[in-house]
Amino acid sequence: MSSNLEMKKQVVADIVEKLKNAECMMVVSYSGLTVEQVTELRKQCRESNVHYCVLKNRLVNRALQELNIEGMDSLLEGPNAFVFSEKDVTAGPKIISQFIEKNKLTSLEIKGGLMGTEVIDVKTIKGLAATPSREELLATIVGCLVSPVSSLVSVLEQIAEKKESAA
């Protein structure tokens, strides 16, 4: 077997692994981005444990076939980048959406993606981008749990002060 074919099989296997590990995978059209913009976007992705890469549509399609995922053919046309969010389903959508908004880009376009094995559209991805991250949700829950306790402490301190002043 040729080394080129072996290399392609390895790339497909790597893509299959990325798809299995990803909470969310997005397909974005990136034509027209400058080198500086792509470098900054990759840096932001790395900082958030999100993997941004350019892959051949044909190889991604093979990986999807191996996983029996259908319905992404229309997304796999033209030059695409793929954004894999492994730990936080909202991380990739947030980074890409904020990057587009901050830089007022028309050259970076979200086309759709996957959540698990389910194909999702742009509207769903934008909804994920607007959703608080796991850490933000946990902080809110902790805040809700701590709030009644701090209120109780405050009330107890006021009662203690009233008793002291009465005595």
Foldseek 3Di string as FASTA:
>chain_A
DDPVVVVLVVVLVVLLVLLQQFQKKWKKQQPPDDPVLVVVLCVLCVVQVKHKAWDQLVSNVVSLVVVVADDCVVSRDDGIIMIGHRPKHLSRLQSLVVSCVVVVDPNIGTAWIDRNRDTGGPVVSPVSNPDDIPVVVVVVVVCVVVVVVVVVVVVVVVVVVVVVVVD
